[in-house]
């Protein structure tokens, strides 16, 4: 069976990670990689000599053999690059947050619909085994959460600090709540605080009667990614996205610890879903409608944090 042929735009930190994942898991063939930084292209060539390097974006736009384009550029460039790729009729995988604001995401969504192409946002947390564990508890086992806390702590690399921490990190957890609660979310309150060279946030959301607290700070020098869910059935679970462990806590405080780690990493599952989608398979992927809904919440968060 012939593999899908992809182009990757953006060979920075995350673009390299995407290329590594596609190659490691043999998800598709990478026809070419484009980046305005020639040094980045040289690094790609040193790792993968079989990948064609593109020094002009038109080398991708003029191609007749590419099935999909993965866009992993800086947040400030996502909209401009995505727009031109969509206008040229390519299926696209657009890394989060898709664009800087609601209006630009809405425009990209309309363009993709008019072109009748597949357009998938990079919401990798949906493919994490911890996320899917809680999705199963809520949707299949019908447990009823009353409180959720999602914590993101750790120092952001300097290259990310020019972007809002909400657009860079918070959107992951906002989309996770959209995924768990079928977009039934309202903003209660929000604050964004400057801490040194970075930001922190505290956000409170109403998820159909379940109160969610999202928090992030750049102070610890270790990476913390956790979710805690308290169910009205008097049971609680903690999920660790770093270790892929689940802690079940009964009303007496007794913990049962088990792993949900999978052989295939979440990014590989996400990219495979995109490739399957453009191949015509009936698979579940996030959509630009999901990105639009996340940005509606983010717009309200920014509004409330400025009051």
C-alpha atoms as a PDB file:
ATOM      1  CA  UNK A   1       0.000   0.000   0.000  1.00  0.00           C
ATOM      2  CA  UNK A   2       1.338   3.418  -0.977  1.00  0.00           C
ATOM      3  CA  UNK A   3       2.057   5.698   1.964  1.00  0.00           C
ATOM      4  CA  UNK A   4       0.719   9.227   2.141  1.00  0.00           C
ATOM      5  CA  UNK A   5       3.232  11.875   1.149  1.00  0.00           C
ATOM      6  CA  UNK A   6       3.621  14.825   3.490  1.00  0.00           C
ATOM      7  CA  UNK A   7       5.412  18.147   3.545  1.00  0.00           C
ATOM      8  CA  UNK A   8       6.474  19.783   6.788  1.00  0.00           C
ATOM      9  CA  UNK A   9       6.677  23.553   7.145  1.00  0.00           C
ATOM     10  CA  UNK A  10       8.721  24.529  10.181  1.00  0.00           C
ATOM     11  CA  UNK A  11      11.859  22.707  11.296  1.00  0.00           C
ATOM     12  CA  UNK A  12      12.264  24.233  14.750  1.00  0.00           C
ATOM     13  CA  UNK A  13      12.075  22.302  18.010  1.00  0.00           C
ATOM     14  CA  UNK A  14       8.559  20.942  17.509  1.00  0.00           C
ATOM     15  CA  UNK A  15       8.879  20.511  13.757  1.00  0.00           C
ATOM     16  CA  UNK A  16      11.917  18.285  14.323  1.00  0.00           C
ATOM     17  CA  UNK A  17       9.933  16.300  16.851  1.00  0.00           C
ATOM     18  CA  UNK A  18       7.157  15.782  14.309  1.00  0.00           C
ATOM     19  CA  UNK A  19       9.650  14.676  11.653  1.00  0.00           C
ATOM     20  CA  UNK A  20      11.308  12.280  14.114  1.00  0.00           C
ATOM     21  CA  UNK A  21       7.945  10.779  15.025  1.00  0.00           C
ATOM     22  CA  UNK A  22       6.833  10.295  11.414  1.00  0.00           C
ATOM     23  CA  UNK A  23      10.130   8.622  10.560  1.00  0.00           C
ATOM     24  CA  UNK A  24      10.332   6.472  13.705  1.00  0.00           C
ATOM     25  CA  UNK A  25       6.819   5.075  13.387  1.00  0.00           C
ATOM     26  CA  UNK A  26       6.811   5.062   9.563  1.00  0.00           C
ATOM     27  CA  UNK A  27       3.553   6.969   9.540  1.00  0.00           C
ATOM     28  CA  UNK A  28       4.037   8.496   6.089  1.00  0.00           C
ATOM     29  CA  UNK A  29       6.674   9.511   3.584  1.00  0.00           C
ATOM     30  CA  UNK A  30       8.058  13.016   4.042  1.00  0.00           C
ATOM     31  CA  UNK A  31       8.511  14.480   0.587  1.00  0.00           C
ATOM     32  CA  UNK A  32      10.061  17.757   1.687  1.00  0.00           C
ATOM     33  CA  UNK A  33      10.698  20.111   4.607  1.00  0.00           C
ATOM     34  CA  UNK A  34      10.641  23.897   4.383  1.00  0.00           C
ATOM     35  CA  UNK A  35      11.975  26.479   6.815  1.00  0.00           C
ATOM     36  CA  UNK A  36      13.199  30.042   6.318  1.00  0.00           C
ATOM     37  CA  UNK A  37      16.185  29.193   8.529  1.00  0.00           C
ATOM     38  CA  UNK A  38      18.737  27.397   6.356  1.00  0.00           C
ATOM     39  CA  UNK A  39      20.648  26.182   9.415  1.00  0.00           C
ATOM     40  CA  UNK A  40      17.588  24.265  10.552  1.00  0.00           C
ATOM     41  CA  UNK A  41      17.337  22.644   7.132  1.00  0.00           C
ATOM     42  CA  UNK A  42      20.985  21.612   7.334  1.00  0.00           C
ATOM     43  CA  UNK A  43      20.281  19.966  10.681  1.00  0.00           C
ATOM     44  CA  UNK A  44      17.367  18.037   9.174  1.00  0.00           C
ATOM     45  CA  UNK A  45      19.583  16.902   6.301  1.00  0.00           C
ATOM     46  CA  UNK A  46      22.272  15.725   8.737  1.00  0.00           C
ATOM     47  CA  UNK A  47      19.692  13.535  10.496  1.00  0.00           C
ATOM     48  CA  UNK A  48      17.621  12.430   7.492  1.00  0.00           C
ATOM     49  CA  UNK A  49      19.547  12.634   4.250  1.00  0.00           C
ATOM     50  CA  UNK A  50      16.642  11.135   2.275  1.00  0.00           C
ATOM     51  CA  UNK A  51      14.341  14.119   2.959  1.00  0.00           C
ATOM     52  CA  UNK A  52      14.240  16.775   0.262  1.00  0.00           C
ATOM     53  CA  UNK A  53      14.907  20.281   1.546  1.00  0.00           C
ATOM     54  CA  UNK A  54      12.784  23.156   0.242  1.00  0.00           C
ATOM     55  CA  UNK A  55      14.224  26.657   0.287  1.00  0.00           C
ATOM     56  CA  UNK A  56      11.043  28.271  -1.069  1.00  0.00           C
ATOM     57  CA  UNK A  57       7.487  27.579   0.078  1.00  0.00           C
ATOM     58  CA  UNK A  58       6.398  27.506  -3.564  1.00  0.00           C
ATOM     59  CA  UNK A  59       8.283  24.237  -3.928  1.00  0.00           C
ATOM     60  CA  UNK A  60       5.546  22.782  -1.726  1.00  0.00           C
ATOM     61  CA  UNK A  61       2.643  24.804  -3.117  1.00  0.00           C
ATOM     62  CA  UNK A  62       3.501  23.798  -6.696  1.00  0.00           C
ATOM     63  CA  UNK A  63       3.749  20.090  -5.875  1.00  0.00           C
ATOM     64  CA  UNK A  64       1.185  17.689  -7.339  1.00  0.00           C
ATOM     65  CA  UNK A  65       2.200  14.681  -5.255  1.00  0.00           C
ATOM     66  CA  UNK A  66       1.787  15.944  -1.684  1.00  0.00           C
ATOM     67  CA  UNK A  67      -1.242  14.583   0.199  1.00  0.00           C
ATOM     68  CA  UNK A  68      -0.992  16.799   3.253  1.00  0.00           C
ATOM     69  CA  UNK A  69       1.026  19.595   4.823  1.00  0.00           C
ATOM     70  CA  UNK A  70       2.035  19.797   8.473  1.00  0.00           C
ATOM     71  CA  UNK A  71       2.482  23.365   9.701  1.00  0.00           C
ATOM     72  CA  UNK A  72       4.657  23.779  12.802  1.00  0.00           C
ATOM     73  CA  UNK A  73       5.831  27.383  12.663  1.00  0.00           C
ATOM     74  CA  UNK A  74       5.922  30.082  15.338  1.00  0.00           C
ATOM     75  CA  UNK A  75       2.516  31.113  16.712  1.00  0.00           C
ATOM     76  CA  UNK A  76       2.825  34.540  15.107  1.00  0.00           C
ATOM     77  CA  UNK A  77       3.232  32.895  11.665  1.00  0.00           C
ATOM     78  CA  UNK A  78       0.677  30.081  11.944  1.00  0.00           C
ATOM     79  CA  UNK A  79      -2.229  31.996  10.426  1.00  0.00           C
ATOM     80  CA  UNK A  80      -0.321  33.425   7.456  1.00  0.00           C
ATOM     81  CA  UNK A  81       1.291  30.123   6.510  1.00  0.00           C
ATOM     82  CA  UNK A  82      -1.877  28.083   7.060  1.00  0.00           C
ATOM     83  CA  UNK A  83      -3.948  30.468   4.984  1.00  0.00           C
ATOM     84  CA  UNK A  84      -1.735  30.223   1.907  1.00  0.00           C
ATOM     85  CA  UNK A  85      -1.481  26.433   2.189  1.00  0.00           C
ATOM     86  CA  UNK A  86      -5.264  26.044   2.523  1.00  0.00           C
ATOM     87  CA  UNK A  87      -5.893  28.459  -0.348  1.00  0.00           C
ATOM     88  CA  UNK A  88      -3.769  26.170  -2.500  1.00  0.00           C
ATOM     89  CA  UNK A  89      -6.039  23.244  -1.666  1.00  0.00           C
ATOM     90  CA  UNK A  90      -3.829  21.112   0.583  1.00  0.00           C
ATOM     91  CA  UNK A  91      -5.028  19.045   3.514  1.00  0.00           C
ATOM     92  CA  UNK A  92      -3.442  20.556   6.613  1.00  0.00           C
ATOM     93  CA  UNK A  93      -2.363  19.661  10.106  1.00  0.00           C
ATOM     94  CA  UNK A  94      -1.923  22.960  11.963  1.00  0.00           C
ATOM     95  CA  UNK A  95      -0.105  22.974  15.279  1.00  0.00           C
ATOM     96  CA  UNK A  96      -1.810  24.601  18.229  1.00  0.00           C
ATOM     97  CA  UNK A  97      -3.075  27.225  18.778  1.00  0.00           C
ATOM     98  CA  UNK A  98      -3.873  27.371  14.987  1.00  0.00           C
ATOM     99  CA  UNK A  99      -3.799  31.195  15.085  1.00  0.00           C
ATOM    100  CA  UNK A 100      -3.403  34.069  17.551  1.00  0.00           C
ATOM    101  CA  UNK A 101      -7.117  34.824  17.943  1.00  0.00           C
ATOM    102  CA  UNK A 102     -10.684  33.703  17.391  1.00  0.00           C
ATOM    103  CA  UNK A 103     -11.233  35.743  14.255  1.00  0.00           C
ATOM    104  CA  UNK A 104      -8.254  34.240  12.422  1.00  0.00           C
ATOM    105  CA  UNK A 105      -9.215  30.691  13.421  1.00  0.00           C
ATOM    106  CA  UNK A 106     -12.725  31.360  12.124  1.00  0.00           C
ATOM    107  CA  UNK A 107     -11.340  32.535   8.796  1.00  0.00           C
ATOM    108  CA  UNK A 108      -9.130  29.449   8.423  1.00  0.00           C
ATOM    109  CA  UNK A 109     -12.098  27.217   9.247  1.00  0.00           C
ATOM    110  CA  UNK A 110     -14.236  28.881   6.554  1.00  0.00           C
ATOM    111  CA  UNK A 111     -11.436  28.643   3.992  1.00  0.00           C
ATOM    112  CA  UNK A 112     -10.934  24.934   4.717  1.00  0.00           C
ATOM    113  CA  UNK A 113     -14.648  24.256   4.365  1.00  0.00           C
ATOM    114  CA  UNK A 114     -14.808  26.142   1.070  1.00  0.00           C
ATOM    115  CA  UNK A 115     -11.849  24.144  -0.257  1.00  0.00           C
ATOM    116  CA  UNK A 116     -13.380  20.898   1.052  1.00  0.00           C
ATOM    117  CA  UNK A 117     -10.110  19.800   2.617  1.00  0.00           C
ATOM    118  CA  UNK A 118      -9.154  18.032   5.833  1.00  0.00           C
ATOM    119  CA  UNK A 119      -7.940  20.530   8.437  1.00  0.00           C
ATOM    120  CA  UNK A 120      -6.810  19.158  11.799  1.00  0.00           C
ATOM    121  CA  UNK A 121      -5.477  21.189  14.754  1.00  0.00           C
ATOM    122  CA  UNK A 122      -2.599  19.862  16.831  1.00  0.00           C
ATOM    123  CA  UNK A 123      -4.407  19.016  20.058  1.00  0.00           C
ATOM    124  CA  UNK A 124      -2.103  16.196  21.115  1.00  0.00           C
ATOM    125  CA  UNK A 125      -3.475  15.911  24.656  1.00  0.00           C
ATOM    126  CA  UNK A 126      -6.578  14.182  23.276  1.00  0.00           C
ATOM    127  CA  UNK A 127      -4.332  11.285  22.272  1.00  0.00           C
ATOM    128  CA  UNK A 128      -2.647  10.944  25.654  1.00  0.00           C
ATOM    129  CA  UNK A 129      -3.593   7.743  27.525  1.00  0.00           C
ATOM    130  CA  UNK A 130      -4.321   9.748  30.685  1.00  0.00           C
ATOM    131  CA  UNK A 131      -6.849  11.915  28.824  1.00  0.00           C
ATOM    132  CA  UNK A 132      -8.499   8.885  27.261  1.00  0.00           C
ATOM    133  CA  UNK A 133      -8.698   7.188  30.653  1.00  0.00           C
ATOM    134  CA  UNK A 134     -10.793  10.064  32.017  1.00  0.00           C
ATOM    135  CA  UNK A 135     -12.839  10.254  28.810  1.00  0.00           C
ATOM    136  CA  UNK A 136     -13.768   6.608  29.350  1.00  0.00           C
ATOM    137  CA  UNK A 137     -14.728   7.179  32.993  1.00  0.00           C
ATOM    138  CA  UNK A 138     -17.001  10.082  32.086  1.00  0.00           C
ATOM    139  CA  UNK A 139     -18.502   8.915  28.780  1.00  0.00           C
ATOM    140  CA  UNK A 140     -18.560   5.128  29.066  1.00  0.00           C
ATOM    141  CA  UNK A 141     -18.636   4.380  32.782  1.00  0.00           C
ATOM    142  CA  UNK A 142     -20.893   7.392  33.379  1.00  0.00           C
ATOM    143  CA  UNK A 143     -19.106   8.740  36.450  1.00  0.00           C
ATOM    144  CA  UNK A 144     -20.020  12.322  37.315  1.00  0.00           C
ATOM    145  CA  UNK A 145     -17.129  14.713  38.004  1.00  0.00           C
ATOM    146  CA  UNK A 146     -17.776  17.612  40.349  1.00  0.00           C
ATOM    147  CA  UNK A 147     -14.275  19.120  40.506  1.00  0.00           C
ATOM    148  CA  UNK A 148     -11.247  19.030  38.207  1.00  0.00           C
ATOM    149  CA  UNK A 149      -7.841  20.604  38.702  1.00  0.00           C
ATOM    150  CA  UNK A 150      -5.240  20.619  35.920  1.00  0.00           C
ATOM    151  CA  UNK A 151      -1.750  21.797  36.832  1.00  0.00           C
ATOM    152  CA  UNK A 152       1.023  22.818  34.431  1.00  0.00           C
ATOM    153  CA  UNK A 153       4.213  23.889  36.128  1.00  0.00           C
ATOM    154  CA  UNK A 154       7.753  24.214  34.898  1.00  0.00           C
ATOM    155  CA  UNK A 155       9.939  26.747  33.173  1.00  0.00           C
ATOM    156  CA  UNK A 156       9.116  27.530  29.572  1.00  0.00           C
ATOM    157  CA  UNK A 157      12.038  27.708  27.181  1.00  0.00           C
ATOM    158  CA  UNK A 158      12.915  31.315  26.253  1.00  0.00           C
ATOM    159  CA  UNK A 159      11.788  30.715  22.650  1.00  0.00           C
ATOM    160  CA  UNK A 160       8.184  30.340  23.843  1.00  0.00           C
ATOM    161  CA  UNK A 161       7.995  33.268  26.265  1.00  0.00           C
ATOM    162  CA  UNK A 162       7.115  35.808  23.573  1.00  0.00           C
ATOM    163  CA  UNK A 163       3.746  34.051  23.221  1.00  0.00           C
ATOM    164  CA  UNK A 164       0.894  34.168  25.721  1.00  0.00           C
ATOM    165  CA  UNK A 165       1.058  31.254  28.133  1.00  0.00           C
ATOM    166  CA  UNK A 166      -2.656  30.701  27.448  1.00  0.00           C
ATOM    167  CA  UNK A 167      -2.053  30.224  23.713  1.00  0.00           C
ATOM    168  CA  UNK A 168       1.073  28.160  24.280  1.00  0.00           C
ATOM    169  CA  UNK A 169       0.016  25.896  27.167  1.00  0.00           C
ATOM    170  CA  UNK A 170      -3.467  26.746  28.424  1.00  0.00           C
ATOM    171  CA  UNK A 171      -5.140  25.846  25.132  1.00  0.00           C
ATOM    172  CA  UNK A 172      -4.143  22.198  25.648  1.00  0.00           C
ATOM    173  CA  UNK A 173      -6.129  21.948  28.871  1.00  0.00           C
ATOM    174  CA  UNK A 174      -9.021  24.014  27.560  1.00  0.00           C
ATOM    175  CA  UNK A 175      -9.327  21.620  24.641  1.00  0.00           C
ATOM    176  CA  UNK A 176      -9.020  18.658  27.016  1.00  0.00           C
ATOM    177  CA  UNK A 177     -12.059  19.952  28.910  1.00  0.00           C
ATOM    178  CA  UNK A 178     -13.878  20.469  25.595  1.00  0.00           C
ATOM    179  CA  UNK A 179     -13.023  16.861  24.761  1.00  0.00           C
ATOM    180  CA  UNK A 180     -14.247  15.546  28.117  1.00  0.00           C
ATOM    181  CA  UNK A 181     -17.400  17.661  28.335  1.00  0.00           C
ATOM    182  CA  UNK A 182     -18.426  18.001  24.686  1.00  0.00           C
ATOM    183  CA  UNK A 183     -17.783  21.773  24.618  1.00  0.00           C
ATOM    184  CA  UNK A 184     -20.124  22.491  27.536  1.00  0.00           C
ATOM    185  CA  UNK A 185     -17.870  25.078  29.202  1.00  0.00           C
ATOM    186  CA  UNK A 186     -18.294  28.595  30.593  1.00  0.00           C
ATOM    187  CA  UNK A 187     -15.665  30.892  32.087  1.00  0.00           C
ATOM    188  CA  UNK A 188     -16.235  31.815  35.736  1.00  0.00           C
ATOM    189  CA  UNK A 189     -13.099  33.853  36.381  1.00  0.00           C
ATOM    190  CA  UNK A 190      -9.521  34.149  35.193  1.00  0.00           C
ATOM    191  CA  UNK A 191      -6.278  35.884  36.069  1.00  0.00           C
ATOM    192  CA  UNK A 192      -2.946  36.079  34.261  1.00  0.00           C
ATOM    193  CA  UNK A 193       0.039  37.210  36.319  1.00  0.00           C
ATOM    194  CA  UNK A 194       3.489  38.261  35.209  1.00  0.00           C
ATOM    195  CA  UNK A 195       6.198  36.277  37.038  1.00  0.00           C
ATOM    196  CA  UNK A 196       9.719  37.362  36.149  1.00  0.00           C
ATOM    197  CA  UNK A 197      10.233  36.786  32.447  1.00  0.00           C
ATOM    198  CA  UNK A 198       7.126  34.649  32.063  1.00  0.00           C
ATOM    199  CA  UNK A 199       3.449  34.378  33.040  1.00  0.00           C
ATOM    200  CA  UNK A 200       1.228  32.267  35.263  1.00  0.00           C
ATOM    201  CA  UNK A 201      -2.525  31.810  35.207  1.00  0.00           C
ATOM    202  CA  UNK A 202      -5.450  30.677  37.316  1.00  0.00           C
ATOM    203  CA  UNK A 203      -8.665  29.944  35.451  1.00  0.00           C
ATOM    204  CA  UNK A 204     -12.009  28.746  36.809  1.00  0.00           C
ATOM    205  CA  UNK A 205     -14.522  27.156  34.468  1.00  0.00           C
ATOM    206  CA  UNK A 206     -18.007  25.685  34.771  1.00  0.00           C
ATOM    207  CA  UNK A 207     -18.185  22.431  32.819  1.00  0.00           C
ATOM    208  CA  UNK A 208     -21.892  21.697  33.021  1.00  0.00           C
ATOM    209  CA  UNK A 209     -21.940  21.796  36.813  1.00  0.00           C
ATOM    210  CA  UNK A 210     -18.405  20.524  37.323  1.00  0.00           C
ATOM    211  CA  UNK A 211     -15.975  23.219  38.464  1.00  0.00           C
ATOM    212  CA  UNK A 212     -12.587  23.108  36.745  1.00  0.00           C
ATOM    213  CA  UNK A 213      -9.487  24.942  37.930  1.00  0.00           C
ATOM    214  CA  UNK A 214      -6.619  25.360  35.465  1.00  0.00           C
ATOM    215  CA  UNK A 215      -3.325  26.573  36.846  1.00  0.00           C
ATOM    216  CA  UNK A 216       0.147  27.120  35.411  1.00  0.00           C
ATOM    217  CA  UNK A 217       3.319  28.739  36.652  1.00  0.00           C
ATOM    218  CA  UNK A 218       6.915  28.990  35.433  1.00  0.00           C
ATOM    219  CA  UNK A 219       8.620  28.756  38.819  1.00  0.00           C
ATOM    220  CA  UNK A 220       9.620  25.068  39.293  1.00  0.00           C
ATOM    221  CA  UNK A 221      12.587  23.757  37.340  1.00  0.00           C
ATOM    222  CA  UNK A 222      10.841  20.396  36.953  1.00  0.00           C
ATOM    223  CA  UNK A 223       8.004  19.545  34.589  1.00  0.00           C
ATOM    224  CA  UNK A 224       4.655  18.970  36.288  1.00  0.00           C
ATOM    225  CA  UNK A 225       1.593  17.952  34.255  1.00  0.00           C
ATOM    226  CA  UNK A 226      -1.231  16.611  36.408  1.00  0.00           C
ATOM    227  CA  UNK A 227      -4.993  16.261  36.435  1.00  0.00           C
ATOM    228  CA  UNK A 228      -7.087  15.600  39.529  1.00  0.00           C
ATOM    229  CA  UNK A 229     -10.754  14.638  39.246  1.00  0.00           C
ATOM    230  CA  UNK A 230     -13.199  14.295  42.125  1.00  0.00           C
ATOM    231  CA  UNK A 231     -16.367  12.376  41.256  1.00  0.00           C
ATOM    232  CA  UNK A 232     -19.674  12.645  43.092  1.00  0.00           C
ATOM    233  CA  UNK A 233     -19.506   8.853  43.460  1.00  0.00           C
ATOM    234  CA  UNK A 234     -16.996   9.564  46.280  1.00  0.00           C
ATOM    235  CA  UNK A 235     -13.978   8.459  44.359  1.00  0.00           C
ATOM    236  CA  UNK A 236     -11.089  10.547  43.062  1.00  0.00           C
ATOM    237  CA  UNK A 237      -8.374  10.018  40.481  1.00  0.00           C
ATOM    238  CA  UNK A 238      -5.072  11.730  39.861  1.00  0.00           C
ATOM    239  CA  UNK A 239      -3.432  11.442  36.455  1.00  0.00           C
ATOM    240  CA  UNK A 240       0.222  12.229  35.761  1.00  0.00           C
ATOM    241  CA  UNK A 241       0.847  13.089  32.109  1.00  0.00           C
ATOM    242  CA  UNK A 242       4.614  12.794  32.571  1.00  0.00           C
ATOM    243  CA  UNK A 243       4.710   9.279  34.052  1.00  0.00           C
ATOM    244  CA  UNK A 244       1.394   8.084  32.513  1.00  0.00           C
ATOM    245  CA  UNK A 245       0.309   6.902  35.957  1.00  0.00           C
ATOM    246  CA  UNK A 246      -3.156   6.960  37.475  1.00  0.00           C
ATOM    247  CA  UNK A 247      -3.745   7.166  41.224  1.00  0.00           C
ATOM    248  CA  UNK A 248      -7.190   6.022  42.349  1.00  0.00           C
ATOM    249  CA  UNK A 249      -8.108   7.402  45.791  1.00  0.00           C
ATOM    250  CA  UNK A 250     -11.030   5.961  47.728  1.00  0.00           C
ATOM    251  CA  UNK A 251     -12.944   7.904  50.440  1.00  0.00           C
ATOM    252  CA  UNK A 252     -10.554   6.596  53.119  1.00  0.00           C
ATOM    253  CA  UNK A 253      -7.568   8.050  51.264  1.00  0.00           C
ATOM    254  CA  UNK A 254      -6.220   4.672  50.155  1.00  0.00           C
ATOM    255  CA  UNK A 255      -4.362   4.874  46.843  1.00  0.00           C
ATOM    256  CA  UNK A 256      -4.257   2.346  44.039  1.00  0.00           C
ATOM    257  CA  UNK A 257      -1.566   3.173  41.478  1.00  0.00           C
ATOM    258  CA  UNK A 258      -1.438   1.803  37.940  1.00  0.00           C
ATOM    259  CA  UNK A 259       0.124   2.709  34.613  1.00  0.00           C
ATOM    260  CA  UNK A 260      -1.718   3.585  31.398  1.00  0.00           C
ATOM    261  CA  UNK A 261       1.436   4.047  29.339  1.00  0.00           C
ATOM    262  CA  UNK A 262       1.196   2.811  25.754  1.00  0.00           C
ATOM    263  CA  UNK A 263       3.846   1.608  23.320  1.00  0.00           C
ATOM    264  CA  UNK A 264       2.991   4.322  20.793  1.00  0.00           C
ATOM    265  CA  UNK A 265       3.486   7.912  21.950  1.00  0.00           C
ATOM    266  CA  UNK A 266       0.566  10.382  21.752  1.00  0.00           C
ATOM    267  CA  UNK A 267       2.174  12.473  19.004  1.00  0.00           C
ATOM    268  CA  UNK A 268       2.467   9.386  16.791  1.00  0.00           C
ATOM    269  CA  UNK A 269      -1.210   8.548  17.376  1.00  0.00           C
ATOM    270  CA  UNK A 270      -2.162  12.128  16.547  1.00  0.00           C
ATOM    271  CA  UNK A 271      -0.172  12.220  13.307  1.00  0.00           C
ATOM    272  CA  UNK A 272      -1.392   8.771  12.281  1.00  0.00           C
ATOM    273  CA  UNK A 273      -4.982   9.935  12.779  1.00  0.00           C
ATOM    274  CA  UNK A 274      -4.328  12.872  10.445  1.00  0.00           C
ATOM    275  CA  UNK A 275      -2.805  10.601   7.806  1.00  0.00           C
ATOM    276  CA  UNK A 276      -5.698   8.139   8.126  1.00  0.00           C
ATOM    277  CA  UNK A 277      -8.146  11.033   7.777  1.00  0.00           C
ATOM    278  CA  UNK A 278      -6.616  12.339   4.547  1.00  0.00           C
ATOM    279  CA  UNK A 279      -6.537   8.758   3.269  1.00  0.00           C
ATOM    280  CA  UNK A 280     -10.324   8.635   3.556  1.00  0.00           C
ATOM    281  CA  UNK A 281     -10.568   6.491   6.680  1.00  0.00           C
ATOM    282  CA  UNK A 282     -13.339   7.104   9.198  1.00  0.00           C
ATOM    283  CA  UNK A 283     -11.250   8.132  12.206  1.00  0.00           C
ATOM    284  CA  UNK A 284     -11.847  10.594  15.013  1.00  0.00           C
ATOM    285  CA  UNK A 285      -9.684  13.708  14.966  1.00  0.00           C
ATOM    286  CA  UNK A 286     -10.063  17.169  16.456  1.00  0.00           C
ATOM    287  CA  UNK A 287     -11.400  19.764  14.012  1.00  0.00           C
ATOM    288  CA  UNK A 288     -11.087  23.476  13.431  1.00  0.00           C
ATOM    289  CA  UNK A 289     -14.523  23.684  15.045  1.00  0.00           C
ATOM    290  CA  UNK A 290     -12.820  22.432  18.212  1.00  0.00           C
ATOM    291  CA  UNK A 291     -10.086  25.046  17.768  1.00  0.00           C
ATOM    292  CA  UNK A 292     -12.732  27.727  17.279  1.00  0.00           C
ATOM    293  CA  UNK A 293     -14.503  26.719  20.479  1.00  0.00           C
ATOM    294  CA  UNK A 294     -11.228  26.750  22.426  1.00  0.00           C
ATOM    295  CA  UNK A 295     -10.520  30.258  21.154  1.00  0.00           C
ATOM    296  CA  UNK A 296     -13.997  31.422  22.171  1.00  0.00           C
ATOM    297  CA  UNK A 297     -13.112  30.412  25.729  1.00  0.00           C
ATOM    298  CA  UNK A 298      -9.656  31.993  25.457  1.00  0.00           C
ATOM    299  CA  UNK A 299     -11.164  35.271  24.276  1.00  0.00           C
ATOM    300  CA  UNK A 300     -13.370  35.329  27.376  1.00  0.00           C
ATOM    301  CA  UNK A 301     -10.377  34.435  29.578  1.00  0.00           C
ATOM    302  CA  UNK A 302      -8.390  37.377  28.207  1.00  0.00           C
ATOM    303  CA  UNK A 303     -11.376  39.676  28.756  1.00  0.00           C
ATOM    304  CA  UNK A 304     -11.898  38.617  32.371  1.00  0.00           C
ATOM    305  CA  UNK A 305      -8.194  38.726  33.213  1.00  0.00           C
ATOM    306  CA  UNK A 306      -8.013  42.402  32.170  1.00  0.00           C
ATOM    307  CA  UNK A 307     -10.859  43.555  34.426  1.00  0.00           C
END
